[in-house]
Amino acid sequence: MEYKKYYRKTSLKQKGVGSFFLAEISKKKPKNFLEIGVFHGVTARNVCELLFKIHGNDFNYIGLDLFEESDENKNEVIPNTTFSSNPIKNFYYKYIKRQNPYSLEAVKELLQKFNNNVHLIKGNSNKLLSKIDMSKIDYVFLDGGHEYNTVLNDLSCCSEVINNGGTVLCDDYDLQQAPGVRRAIDEFVKKNNFNCSIICSGRFAKIEKN
């Protein structure tokens, strides 16, 4: 399945990475998907399209993000949320859509086709992730805050998913600007004796039960 960008920004923009990602999801055919770090919602839309193709309406997508630039993410390594190098897209969202593509409202609009399957949560994963019932989640895409303690917190909250036979796919394992990502993943995997596969030329870390 081809990964589409929907005229928005996505961290999976490099050639082939998005399609590789969707192929990984297809292998597991999850019905209850959690994404930590929704950003503009492009990956969310692609995942929903894929899960609909596999399961019809019998799937659930949960997305957690701050959905705004604030003091809570000022120290995190995140992509630029605006189209600073693309004046056409800047004009489109500012004057035609009159919408911030990183806002909760904009992401809801992008996902409205799957309104009955989607549940978006606005807030900090350090505060809210532990409140989600992980027993029903069978796949997690972890691409939220990249600071060491945030990644470790998110992974710890996802332990139940792995122990239940699910998968946690972590983005940016090899991102040099955020060494805390690799450090947190390596420590988490070693401590819990989980299996970790580094795939897509080092881009993703796939964590599963041994």
N, C-alpha and C. Protein backbone atom coordinates (compact mmCIF):
# COMPACT_ATOMS: atom_id res chain seq x y z
N MET A 1 0.85 -1.20 0.00
CA MET A 1 0.00 0.00 0.00
C MET A 1 0.88 1.25 0.00
N GLU A 2 0.56 2.20 -0.84
CA GLU A 2 1.34 3.42 -0.96
C GLU A 2 1.04 4.38 0.20
N TYR A 3 2.09 4.95 0.76
CA TYR A 3 1.96 5.92 1.85
C TYR A 3 1.69 7.29 1.24
N LYS A 4 0.57 7.92 1.60
CA LYS A 4 0.19 9.21 1.05
C LYS A 4 0.45 10.34 2.05
N LYS A 5 0.75 11.51 1.55
CA LYS A 5 1.12 12.64 2.42
C LYS A 5 -0.03 13.61 2.68
N TYR A 6 -1.09 13.56 1.92
CA TYR A 6 -2.28 14.37 2.16
C TYR A 6 -1.99 15.86 2.31
N TYR A 7 -1.02 16.35 1.57
CA TYR A 7 -0.69 17.78 1.54
C TYR A 7 -0.39 18.33 2.94
N ARG A 8 0.28 17.51 3.74
CA ARG A 8 0.67 17.90 5.09
C ARG A 8 2.09 17.43 5.35
N LYS A 9 2.60 17.73 6.53
CA LYS A 9 3.94 17.31 6.90
C LYS A 9 3.89 15.95 7.60
N THR A 10 4.93 15.16 7.39
CA THR A 10 5.05 13.86 8.03
C THR A 10 6.51 13.54 8.27
N SER A 11 6.79 12.85 9.36
CA SER A 11 8.17 12.46 9.65
C SER A 11 8.61 11.28 8.79
N LEU A 12 7.66 10.63 8.11
CA LEU A 12 7.99 9.48 7.26
C LEU A 12 8.04 9.89 5.79
N LYS A 13 8.63 11.05 5.54
CA LYS A 13 8.62 11.61 4.19
C LYS A 13 9.70 11.04 3.27
N GLN A 14 10.77 10.47 3.85
CA GLN A 14 11.84 9.95 3.01
C GLN A 14 11.32 8.84 2.11
N LYS A 15 11.85 8.78 0.92
CA LYS A 15 11.38 7.83 -0.09
C LYS A 15 11.43 6.39 0.44
N GLY A 16 10.31 5.74 0.37
CA GLY A 16 10.25 4.34 0.75
C GLY A 16 9.97 4.06 2.21
N VAL A 17 10.20 5.05 3.10
CA VAL A 17 10.05 4.82 4.53
C VAL A 17 8.58 4.61 4.91
N GLY A 18 7.70 5.44 4.36
CA GLY A 18 6.28 5.31 4.67
C GLY A 18 5.71 3.98 4.22
N SER A 19 6.08 3.55 3.02
CA SER A 19 5.60 2.27 2.50
C SER A 19 6.17 1.12 3.31
N PHE A 20 7.42 1.24 3.74
CA PHE A 20 8.03 0.22 4.60
C PHE A 20 7.25 0.12 5.90
N PHE A 21 6.90 1.27 6.46
CA PHE A 21 6.14 1.32 7.70
C PHE A 21 4.80 0.60 7.56
N LEU A 22 4.08 0.90 6.50
CA LEU A 22 2.77 0.27 6.29
C LEU A 22 2.90 -1.23 6.07
N ALA A 23 3.97 -1.64 5.42
CA ALA A 23 4.20 -3.08 5.21
C ALA A 23 4.42 -3.79 6.55
N GLU A 24 5.10 -3.10 7.47
CA GLU A 24 5.31 -3.67 8.81
C GLU A 24 3.99 -3.84 9.55
N ILE A 25 3.13 -2.84 9.45
CA ILE A 25 1.83 -2.92 10.11
C ILE A 25 1.01 -4.07 9.51
N SER A 26 1.10 -4.22 8.21
CA SER A 26 0.34 -5.26 7.51
C SER A 26 0.69 -6.66 8.00
N LYS A 27 1.93 -6.85 8.40
CA LYS A 27 2.37 -8.17 8.86
C LYS A 27 1.60 -8.63 10.09
N LYS A 28 1.24 -7.69 10.94
CA LYS A 28 0.58 -8.02 12.21
C LYS A 28 -0.95 -7.88 12.16
N LYS A 29 -1.43 -7.12 11.18
CA LYS A 29 -2.88 -6.91 11.03
C LYS A 29 -3.57 -6.53 12.35
N PRO A 30 -3.09 -5.52 13.03
CA PRO A 30 -3.68 -5.15 14.33
C PRO A 30 -5.09 -4.60 14.18
N LYS A 31 -5.88 -4.78 15.22
CA LYS A 31 -7.23 -4.21 15.24
C LYS A 31 -7.33 -3.00 16.16
N ASN A 32 -6.41 -2.90 17.12
CA ASN A 32 -6.41 -1.80 18.09
C ASN A 32 -5.04 -1.15 18.09
N PHE A 33 -4.96 0.00 17.45
CA PHE A 33 -3.69 0.66 17.16
C PHE A 33 -3.55 1.94 17.98
N LEU A 34 -2.40 2.12 18.60
CA LEU A 34 -2.11 3.34 19.36
C LEU A 34 -0.91 4.05 18.75
N GLU A 35 -1.08 5.33 18.44
CA GLU A 35 0.03 6.15 17.96
C GLU A 35 0.31 7.23 19.00
N ILE A 36 1.56 7.29 19.44
CA ILE A 36 2.00 8.31 20.38
C ILE A 36 2.84 9.32 19.60
N GLY A 37 2.29 10.50 19.38
CA GLY A 37 2.94 11.49 18.53
C GLY A 37 2.27 11.55 17.17
N VAL A 38 1.10 12.17 17.10
CA VAL A 38 0.28 12.15 15.88
C VAL A 38 0.73 13.18 14.86
N PHE A 39 1.28 14.32 15.35
CA PHE A 39 1.76 15.40 14.49
C PHE A 39 0.63 15.90 13.59
N HIS A 40 0.80 15.95 12.28
CA HIS A 40 -0.23 16.46 11.37
C HIS A 40 -1.30 15.43 11.05
N GLY A 41 -1.13 14.20 11.52
CA GLY A 41 -2.15 13.17 11.30
C GLY A 41 -1.97 12.35 10.03
N VAL A 42 -0.87 12.54 9.32
CA VAL A 42 -0.66 11.83 8.06
C VAL A 42 -0.49 10.33 8.28
N THR A 43 0.34 9.96 9.24
CA THR A 43 0.51 8.54 9.54
C THR A 43 -0.79 7.94 10.04
N ALA A 44 -1.52 8.69 10.85
CA ALA A 44 -2.81 8.23 11.36
C ALA A 44 -3.76 7.91 10.22
N ARG A 45 -3.85 8.79 9.24
CA ARG A 45 -4.75 8.57 8.10
C ARG A 45 -4.32 7.34 7.30
N ASN A 46 -3.02 7.20 7.08
CA ASN A 46 -2.51 6.04 6.35
C ASN A 46 -2.80 4.74 7.09
N VAL A 47 -2.61 4.75 8.41
CA VAL A 47 -2.88 3.56 9.22
C VAL A 47 -4.36 3.21 9.16
N CYS A 48 -5.22 4.21 9.28
CA CYS A 48 -6.67 3.95 9.23
C CYS A 48 -7.09 3.40 7.87
N GLU A 49 -6.53 3.94 6.81
CA GLU A 49 -6.84 3.41 5.48
C GLU A 49 -6.41 1.95 5.37
N LEU A 50 -5.22 1.65 5.89
CA LEU A 50 -4.72 0.27 5.84
C LEU A 50 -5.59 -0.67 6.67
N LEU A 51 -5.91 -0.28 7.90
CA LEU A 51 -6.70 -1.14 8.77
C LEU A 51 -8.13 -1.33 8.24
N PHE A 52 -8.66 -0.30 7.59
CA PHE A 52 -9.98 -0.42 6.97
C PHE A 52 -9.92 -1.42 5.82
N LYS A 53 -8.84 -1.38 5.07
CA LYS A 53 -8.66 -2.32 3.96
C LYS A 53 -8.59 -3.75 4.46
N ILE A 54 -8.00 -3.95 5.63
CA ILE A 54 -7.84 -5.29 6.20
C ILE A 54 -9.08 -5.76 6.94
N HIS A 55 -9.64 -4.87 7.79
CA HIS A 55 -10.71 -5.26 8.71
C HIS A 55 -12.08 -4.63 8.44
N GLY A 56 -12.17 -3.78 7.44
CA GLY A 56 -13.41 -3.03 7.30
C GLY A 56 -13.53 -2.05 8.47
N ASN A 57 -14.69 -1.92 9.05
CA ASN A 57 -14.88 -0.99 10.17
C ASN A 57 -14.53 -1.61 11.53
N ASP A 58 -14.04 -2.83 11.52
CA ASP A 58 -13.73 -3.52 12.77
C ASP A 58 -12.30 -3.24 13.23
N PHE A 59 -12.00 -1.97 13.52
CA PHE A 59 -10.70 -1.59 14.05
C PHE A 59 -10.85 -0.31 14.86
N ASN A 60 -9.84 -0.05 15.70
CA ASN A 60 -9.81 1.17 16.50
C ASN A 60 -8.44 1.82 16.41
N TYR A 61 -8.44 3.12 16.28
CA TYR A 61 -7.20 3.90 16.27
C TYR A 61 -7.27 4.92 17.41
N ILE A 62 -6.23 4.94 18.25
CA ILE A 62 -6.09 5.94 19.31
C ILE A 62 -4.84 6.76 19.04
N GLY A 63 -4.97 8.07 19.06
CA GLY A 63 -3.82 8.94 18.82
C GLY A 63 -3.64 9.93 19.97
N LEU A 64 -2.42 10.02 20.47
CA LEU A 64 -2.10 10.91 21.59
C LEU A 64 -1.04 11.92 21.16
N ASP A 65 -1.31 13.19 21.41
CA ASP A 65 -0.36 14.25 21.05
C ASP A 65 -0.72 15.51 21.82
N LEU A 66 0.26 16.42 21.94
CA LEU A 66 -0.02 17.73 22.54
C LEU A 66 -0.88 18.58 21.62
N PHE A 67 -0.75 18.37 20.30
CA PHE A 67 -1.51 19.12 19.29
C PHE A 67 -1.35 20.63 19.41
N GLU A 68 -0.22 21.06 19.91
CA GLU A 68 0.11 22.48 19.96
C GLU A 68 1.57 22.62 20.39
N GLU A 69 2.16 23.72 20.03
CA GLU A 69 3.52 24.03 20.49
C GLU A 69 3.39 24.79 21.80
N SER A 70 4.02 24.28 22.85
CA SER A 70 3.88 24.88 24.16
C SER A 70 5.13 24.65 24.98
N ASP A 71 5.10 25.09 26.23
CA ASP A 71 6.24 24.88 27.12
C ASP A 71 6.49 23.40 27.39
N GLU A 72 5.45 22.57 27.18
CA GLU A 72 5.60 21.15 27.46
C GLU A 72 6.45 20.43 26.43
N ASN A 73 6.59 21.00 25.23
CA ASN A 73 7.41 20.33 24.23
C ASN A 73 8.55 21.20 23.69
N LYS A 74 8.84 22.29 24.38
CA LYS A 74 9.85 23.21 23.88
C LYS A 74 11.25 22.60 23.87
N ASN A 75 11.50 21.62 24.74
CA ASN A 75 12.82 20.99 24.81
C ASN A 75 12.89 19.68 24.03
N GLU A 76 11.80 19.32 23.38
CA GLU A 76 11.78 18.08 22.62
C GLU A 76 12.30 18.29 21.20
N VAL A 77 12.80 17.22 20.62
CA VAL A 77 13.23 17.24 19.23
C VAL A 77 12.04 16.82 18.38
N ILE A 78 11.34 17.79 17.78
CA ILE A 78 10.19 17.48 16.93
C ILE A 78 10.36 18.22 15.61
N PRO A 79 9.73 17.70 14.55
CA PRO A 79 9.81 18.40 13.25
C PRO A 79 9.17 19.77 13.34
N ASN A 80 9.60 20.66 12.48
CA ASN A 80 8.98 21.97 12.39
C ASN A 80 7.51 21.79 12.02
N THR A 81 6.62 22.36 12.79
CA THR A 81 5.19 22.13 12.56
C THR A 81 4.63 23.01 11.45
N THR A 82 5.41 23.99 10.96
CA THR A 82 4.93 24.88 9.90
C THR A 82 5.64 24.57 8.59
N PHE A 83 5.12 25.14 7.50
CA PHE A 83 5.70 24.94 6.17
C PHE A 83 6.62 26.11 5.84
N SER A 84 7.69 26.25 6.61
CA SER A 84 8.57 27.42 6.47
C SER A 84 9.24 27.49 5.10
N SER A 85 9.45 26.35 4.46
CA SER A 85 10.14 26.35 3.16
C SER A 85 9.18 26.16 1.99
N ASN A 86 7.89 26.18 2.27
CA ASN A 86 6.90 25.99 1.20
C ASN A 86 5.82 27.07 1.28
N PRO A 87 6.04 28.20 0.58
CA PRO A 87 5.09 29.32 0.66
C PRO A 87 3.70 28.97 0.16
N ILE A 88 3.58 28.03 -0.76
CA ILE A 88 2.26 27.66 -1.28
C ILE A 88 1.43 26.97 -0.19
N LYS A 89 2.04 26.03 0.51
CA LYS A 89 1.32 25.35 1.59
C LYS A 89 1.04 26.31 2.74
N ASN A 90 2.00 27.20 3.02
CA ASN A 90 1.78 28.21 4.05
C ASN A 90 0.54 29.04 3.73
N PHE A 91 0.45 29.49 2.49
CA PHE A 91 -0.69 30.31 2.04
C PHE A 91 -1.99 29.52 2.13
N TYR A 92 -1.93 28.26 1.70
CA TYR A 92 -3.12 27.41 1.70
C TYR A 92 -3.72 27.26 3.10
N TYR A 93 -2.86 26.93 4.07
CA TYR A 93 -3.37 26.70 5.42
C TYR A 93 -3.70 27.99 6.16
N LYS A 94 -2.96 29.05 5.87
CA LYS A 94 -3.18 30.30 6.59
C LYS A 94 -4.38 31.08 6.05
N TYR A 95 -4.53 31.12 4.72
CA TYR A 95 -5.54 31.99 4.15
C TYR A 95 -6.74 31.26 3.52
N ILE A 96 -6.55 30.02 3.11
CA ILE A 96 -7.67 29.27 2.52
C ILE A 96 -8.32 28.36 3.56
N LYS A 97 -7.53 27.49 4.15
CA LYS A 97 -8.08 26.61 5.20
C LYS A 97 -8.29 27.37 6.51
N ARG A 98 -7.48 28.41 6.73
CA ARG A 98 -7.50 29.15 8.00
C ARG A 98 -7.42 28.17 9.18
N GLN A 99 -6.36 27.38 9.11
CA GLN A 99 -6.26 26.26 10.03
C GLN A 99 -4.79 25.93 10.29
N ASN A 100 -4.49 25.60 11.54
CA ASN A 100 -3.17 25.10 11.89
C ASN A 100 -3.19 23.58 11.70
N PRO A 101 -2.43 23.03 10.75
CA PRO A 101 -2.50 21.59 10.48
C PRO A 101 -2.06 20.73 11.66
N TYR A 102 -1.40 21.35 12.66
CA TYR A 102 -0.97 20.61 13.84
C TYR A 102 -2.01 20.66 14.96
N SER A 103 -3.13 21.30 14.71
CA SER A 103 -4.16 21.42 15.75
C SER A 103 -5.02 20.16 15.80
N LEU A 104 -5.66 19.95 16.94
CA LEU A 104 -6.56 18.81 17.11
C LEU A 104 -7.69 18.87 16.10
N GLU A 105 -8.22 20.06 15.85
CA GLU A 105 -9.33 20.22 14.92
C GLU A 105 -8.94 19.82 13.50
N ALA A 106 -7.72 20.20 13.10
CA ALA A 106 -7.25 19.88 11.75
C ALA A 106 -7.04 18.38 11.56
N VAL A 107 -6.51 17.74 12.58
CA VAL A 107 -6.28 16.29 12.49
C VAL A 107 -7.62 15.55 12.49
N LYS A 108 -8.57 16.02 13.29
CA LYS A 108 -9.91 15.41 13.29
C LYS A 108 -10.53 15.50 11.90
N GLU A 109 -10.34 16.63 11.24
CA GLU A 109 -10.89 16.81 9.90
C GLU A 109 -10.27 15.83 8.92
N LEU A 110 -8.96 15.62 9.03
CA LEU A 110 -8.27 14.69 8.14
C LEU A 110 -8.76 13.26 8.35
N LEU A 111 -9.14 12.94 9.58
CA LEU A 111 -9.55 11.57 9.92
C LEU A 111 -11.07 11.39 9.97
N GLN A 112 -11.83 12.38 9.52
CA GLN A 112 -13.28 12.33 9.68
C GLN A 112 -13.93 11.15 8.94
N LYS A 113 -13.26 10.65 7.91
CA LYS A 113 -13.75 9.47 7.19
C LYS A 113 -13.90 8.27 8.13
N PHE A 114 -13.06 8.26 9.18
CA PHE A 114 -13.05 7.14 10.13
C PHE A 114 -13.48 7.61 11.52
N ASN A 115 -14.40 8.52 11.54
CA ASN A 115 -14.83 9.14 12.80
C ASN A 115 -15.25 8.12 13.86
N ASN A 116 -15.90 7.05 13.44
CA ASN A 116 -16.37 6.04 14.39
C ASN A 116 -15.27 5.12 14.90
N ASN A 117 -14.11 5.17 14.26
CA ASN A 117 -13.00 4.28 14.63
C ASN A 117 -11.88 5.00 15.37
N VAL A 118 -11.93 6.32 15.38
CA VAL A 118 -10.80 7.13 15.86
C VAL A 118 -11.11 7.80 17.19
N HIS A 119 -10.12 7.76 18.08
CA HIS A 119 -10.21 8.48 19.36
C HIS A 119 -8.91 9.24 19.55
N LEU A 120 -8.97 10.57 19.48
CA LEU A 120 -7.79 11.42 19.65
C LEU A 120 -7.75 12.00 21.06
N ILE A 121 -6.56 11.98 21.65
CA ILE A 121 -6.37 12.47 23.02
C ILE A 121 -5.34 13.60 23.00
N LYS A 122 -5.74 14.75 23.50
CA LYS A 122 -4.83 15.89 23.56
C LYS A 122 -4.20 15.96 24.93
N GLY A 123 -2.86 15.93 24.97
CA GLY A 123 -2.17 16.03 26.25
C GLY A 123 -0.78 15.42 26.19
N ASN A 124 -0.11 15.47 27.33
CA ASN A 124 1.26 14.99 27.46
C ASN A 124 1.27 13.51 27.81
N SER A 125 2.03 12.71 27.07
CA SER A 125 2.08 11.27 27.32
C SER A 125 2.61 10.95 28.70
N ASN A 126 3.47 11.81 29.25
CA ASN A 126 3.99 11.59 30.60
C ASN A 126 2.88 11.61 31.64
N LYS A 127 1.78 12.29 31.33
CA LYS A 127 0.67 12.41 32.27
C LYS A 127 -0.51 11.50 31.93
N LEU A 128 -0.71 11.24 30.64
CA LEU A 128 -1.95 10.58 30.22
C LEU A 128 -1.80 9.13 29.77
N LEU A 129 -0.62 8.75 29.33
CA LEU A 129 -0.48 7.42 28.73
C LEU A 129 -0.79 6.30 29.72
N SER A 130 -0.43 6.50 30.97
CA SER A 130 -0.67 5.47 31.99
C SER A 130 -2.16 5.25 32.26
N LYS A 131 -3.01 6.17 31.78
CA LYS A 131 -4.45 6.06 32.01
C LYS A 131 -5.17 5.29 30.90
N ILE A 132 -4.44 4.97 29.83
CA ILE A 132 -5.03 4.23 28.72
C ILE A 132 -5.01 2.73 29.03
N ASP A 133 -6.09 2.04 28.72
CA ASP A 133 -6.18 0.60 28.94
C ASP A 133 -5.37 -0.12 27.87
N MET A 134 -4.15 -0.50 28.21
CA MET A 134 -3.25 -1.13 27.25
C MET A 134 -3.60 -2.58 26.95
N SER A 135 -4.46 -3.18 27.75
CA SER A 135 -4.81 -4.59 27.54
C SER A 135 -5.53 -4.79 26.21
N LYS A 136 -6.10 -3.72 25.66
CA LYS A 136 -6.84 -3.83 24.40
C LYS A 136 -6.01 -3.40 23.18
N ILE A 137 -4.79 -2.94 23.42
CA ILE A 137 -3.93 -2.47 22.33
C ILE A 137 -3.04 -3.61 21.85
N ASP A 138 -2.96 -3.79 20.53
CA ASP A 138 -2.07 -4.83 20.01
C ASP A 138 -0.94 -4.29 19.14
N TYR A 139 -0.93 -2.97 18.88
CA TYR A 139 0.19 -2.38 18.14
C TYR A 139 0.35 -0.92 18.55
N VAL A 140 1.59 -0.52 18.81
CA VAL A 140 1.90 0.86 19.19
C VAL A 140 2.96 1.41 18.25
N PHE A 141 2.70 2.60 17.71
CA PHE A 141 3.75 3.33 16.98
C PHE A 141 4.19 4.48 17.89
N LEU A 142 5.43 4.40 18.35
CA LEU A 142 5.95 5.37 19.32
C LEU A 142 6.80 6.42 18.61
N ASP A 143 6.26 7.63 18.51
CA ASP A 143 6.96 8.72 17.84
C ASP A 143 6.61 10.04 18.53
N GLY A 144 6.59 10.01 19.87
CA GLY A 144 6.25 11.20 20.64
C GLY A 144 7.48 11.99 21.02
N GLY A 145 7.54 12.43 22.28
CA GLY A 145 8.69 13.17 22.75
C GLY A 145 9.95 12.33 22.66
N HIS A 146 11.05 12.97 22.28
CA HIS A 146 12.30 12.25 22.05
C HIS A 146 13.31 12.38 23.19
N GLU A 147 12.93 13.06 24.26
CA GLU A 147 13.82 13.18 25.41
C GLU A 147 13.84 11.84 26.14
N TYR A 148 15.00 11.48 26.69
CA TYR A 148 15.22 10.16 27.29
C TYR A 148 14.12 9.74 28.26
N ASN A 149 13.80 10.59 29.23
CA ASN A 149 12.82 10.23 30.25
C ASN A 149 11.42 10.05 29.66
N THR A 150 11.10 10.85 28.63
CA THR A 150 9.80 10.72 27.98
C THR A 150 9.69 9.40 27.24
N VAL A 151 10.73 9.04 26.50
CA VAL A 151 10.73 7.77 25.77
C VAL A 151 10.63 6.59 26.73
N LEU A 152 11.39 6.67 27.82
CA LEU A 152 11.39 5.59 28.80
C LEU A 152 10.01 5.45 29.45
N ASN A 153 9.39 6.58 29.75
CA ASN A 153 8.03 6.57 30.31
C ASN A 153 7.05 5.92 29.34
N ASP A 154 7.12 6.34 28.08
CA ASP A 154 6.20 5.82 27.07
C ASP A 154 6.37 4.31 26.89
N LEU A 155 7.62 3.87 26.85
CA LEU A 155 7.90 2.45 26.69
C LEU A 155 7.39 1.65 27.89
N SER A 156 7.63 2.18 29.07
CA SER A 156 7.19 1.49 30.30
C SER A 156 5.68 1.32 30.30
N CYS A 157 4.96 2.34 29.85
CA CYS A 157 3.50 2.27 29.80
C CYS A 157 3.02 1.25 28.76
N CYS A 158 3.89 0.93 27.81
CA CYS A 158 3.52 0.00 26.74
C CYS A 158 3.96 -1.44 27.01
N SER A 159 4.53 -1.69 28.17
CA SER A 159 5.04 -3.03 28.49
C SER A 159 3.96 -4.10 28.36
N GLU A 160 2.75 -3.76 28.81
CA GLU A 160 1.65 -4.73 28.78
C GLU A 160 1.33 -5.16 27.36
N VAL A 161 1.43 -4.23 26.42
CA VAL A 161 1.18 -4.55 25.01
C VAL A 161 2.14 -5.64 24.54
N ILE A 162 3.41 -5.47 24.86
CA ILE A 162 4.42 -6.43 24.44
C ILE A 162 4.22 -7.77 25.13
N ASN A 163 3.98 -7.73 26.43
CA ASN A 163 3.78 -8.97 27.19
C ASN A 163 2.56 -9.75 26.72
N ASN A 164 1.60 -9.04 26.13
CA ASN A 164 0.40 -9.69 25.61
C ASN A 164 0.56 -10.17 24.17
N GLY A 165 1.78 -10.05 23.64
CA GLY A 165 2.04 -10.52 22.27
C GLY A 165 1.97 -9.46 21.21
N GLY A 166 1.79 -8.19 21.62
CA GLY A 166 1.73 -7.10 20.67
C GLY A 166 3.10 -6.56 20.30
N THR A 167 3.09 -5.52 19.50
CA THR A 167 4.33 -4.92 18.99
C THR A 167 4.39 -3.44 19.31
N VAL A 168 5.57 -2.96 19.67
CA VAL A 168 5.83 -1.53 19.80
C VAL A 168 6.89 -1.17 18.77
N LEU A 169 6.53 -0.32 17.82
CA LEU A 169 7.46 0.13 16.79
C LEU A 169 7.89 1.55 17.12
N CYS A 170 9.18 1.74 17.36
CA CYS A 170 9.71 3.05 17.77
C CYS A 170 10.37 3.74 16.58
N ASP A 171 10.05 4.98 16.36
CA ASP A 171 10.67 5.76 15.29
C ASP A 171 11.94 6.43 15.80
N ASP A 172 12.83 6.79 14.86
CA ASP A 172 14.02 7.61 15.12
C ASP A 172 15.03 6.96 16.06
N TYR A 173 15.16 5.66 15.99
CA TYR A 173 16.17 4.97 16.80
C TYR A 173 17.56 5.50 16.48
N ASP A 174 17.81 5.85 15.23
CA ASP A 174 19.13 6.28 14.81
C ASP A 174 19.28 7.80 14.69
N LEU A 175 18.34 8.55 15.24
CA LEU A 175 18.38 10.01 15.11
C LEU A 175 19.47 10.59 16.01
N GLN A 176 20.50 11.15 15.40
CA GLN A 176 21.65 11.66 16.15
C GLN A 176 21.30 12.86 17.01
N GLN A 177 20.31 13.65 16.58
CA GLN A 177 19.92 14.83 17.36
C GLN A 177 19.18 14.46 18.64
N ALA A 178 18.79 13.19 18.75
CA ALA A 178 18.04 12.75 19.94
C ALA A 178 18.60 11.41 20.44
N PRO A 179 19.80 11.42 20.99
CA PRO A 179 20.42 10.16 21.46
C PRO A 179 19.65 9.49 22.59
N GLY A 180 18.80 10.25 23.27
CA GLY A 180 18.00 9.68 24.35
C GLY A 180 17.04 8.61 23.88
N VAL A 181 16.65 8.66 22.60
CA VAL A 181 15.73 7.66 22.06
C VAL A 181 16.38 6.28 22.09
N ARG A 182 17.58 6.19 21.51
CA ARG A 182 18.28 4.90 21.47
C ARG A 182 18.62 4.43 22.89
N ARG A 183 19.08 5.33 23.71
CA ARG A 183 19.46 4.96 25.07
C ARG A 183 18.28 4.38 25.83
N ALA A 184 17.13 5.03 25.73
CA ALA A 184 15.93 4.57 26.44
C ALA A 184 15.48 3.21 25.92
N ILE A 185 15.47 3.05 24.61
CA ILE A 185 15.05 1.77 24.01
C ILE A 185 15.97 0.64 24.43
N ASP A 186 17.28 0.87 24.33
CA ASP A 186 18.25 -0.17 24.68
C ASP A 186 18.11 -0.59 26.15
N GLU A 187 17.95 0.38 27.03
CA GLU A 187 17.81 0.07 28.46
C GLU A 187 16.51 -0.66 28.75
N PHE A 188 15.43 -0.23 28.11
CA PHE A 188 14.12 -0.84 28.32
C PHE A 188 14.12 -2.30 27.85
N VAL A 189 14.67 -2.54 26.69
CA VAL A 189 14.70 -3.89 26.13
C VAL A 189 15.54 -4.82 26.99
N LYS A 190 16.70 -4.34 27.42
CA LYS A 190 17.59 -5.16 28.25
C LYS A 190 16.96 -5.48 29.60
N LYS A 191 16.35 -4.48 30.22
CA LYS A 191 15.75 -4.66 31.54
C LYS A 191 14.61 -5.68 31.51
N ASN A 192 13.82 -5.67 30.43
CA ASN A 192 12.65 -6.53 30.34
C ASN A 192 12.86 -7.80 29.54
N ASN A 193 14.07 -7.97 29.03
CA ASN A 193 14.40 -9.15 28.22
C ASN A 193 13.46 -9.31 27.02
N PHE A 194 13.20 -8.19 26.35
CA PHE A 194 12.38 -8.22 25.15
C PHE A 194 13.27 -8.38 23.92
N ASN A 195 12.67 -8.75 22.82
CA ASN A 195 13.39 -8.84 21.56
C ASN A 195 13.28 -7.50 20.83
N CYS A 196 14.39 -7.01 20.33
CA CYS A 196 14.40 -5.73 19.61
C CYS A 196 15.09 -5.90 18.26
N SER A 197 14.36 -5.62 17.19
CA SER A 197 14.91 -5.68 15.84
C SER A 197 15.07 -4.27 15.30
N ILE A 198 16.26 -3.93 14.83
CA ILE A 198 16.51 -2.61 14.24
C ILE A 198 16.33 -2.75 12.74
N ILE A 199 15.32 -2.07 12.20
CA ILE A 199 14.94 -2.27 10.81
C ILE A 199 14.90 -0.95 10.04
N CYS A 200 14.71 -1.07 8.72
CA CYS A 200 14.66 0.10 7.83
C CYS A 200 15.95 0.93 7.95
N SER A 201 17.07 0.24 7.82
CA SER A 201 18.40 0.88 7.85
C SER A 201 18.64 1.66 9.15
N GLY A 202 18.10 1.13 10.26
CA GLY A 202 18.33 1.74 11.56
C GLY A 202 17.28 2.74 11.98
N ARG A 203 16.31 2.99 11.12
CA ARG A 203 15.29 4.01 11.41
C ARG A 203 14.35 3.58 12.55
N PHE A 204 13.88 2.34 12.48
CA PHE A 204 12.90 1.86 13.45
C PHE A 204 13.47 0.79 14.36
N ALA A 205 12.96 0.76 15.60
CA ALA A 205 13.25 -0.32 16.54
C ALA A 205 11.94 -1.04 16.82
N LYS A 206 11.86 -2.31 16.45
CA LYS A 206 10.64 -3.09 16.66
C LYS A 206 10.81 -3.97 17.89
N ILE A 207 9.98 -3.73 18.90
CA ILE A 207 10.10 -4.44 20.18
C ILE A 207 8.94 -5.41 20.33
N GLU A 208 9.31 -6.66 20.60
CA GLU A 208 8.32 -7.72 20.80
C GLU A 208 8.79 -8.65 21.91
N LYS A 209 7.91 -9.52 22.34
CA LYS A 209 8.24 -10.48 23.38
C LYS A 209 9.11 -11.59 22.81
N ASN A 210 10.11 -12.03 23.58
CA ASN A 210 10.98 -13.13 23.14
C ASN A 210 10.19 -14.43 23.07
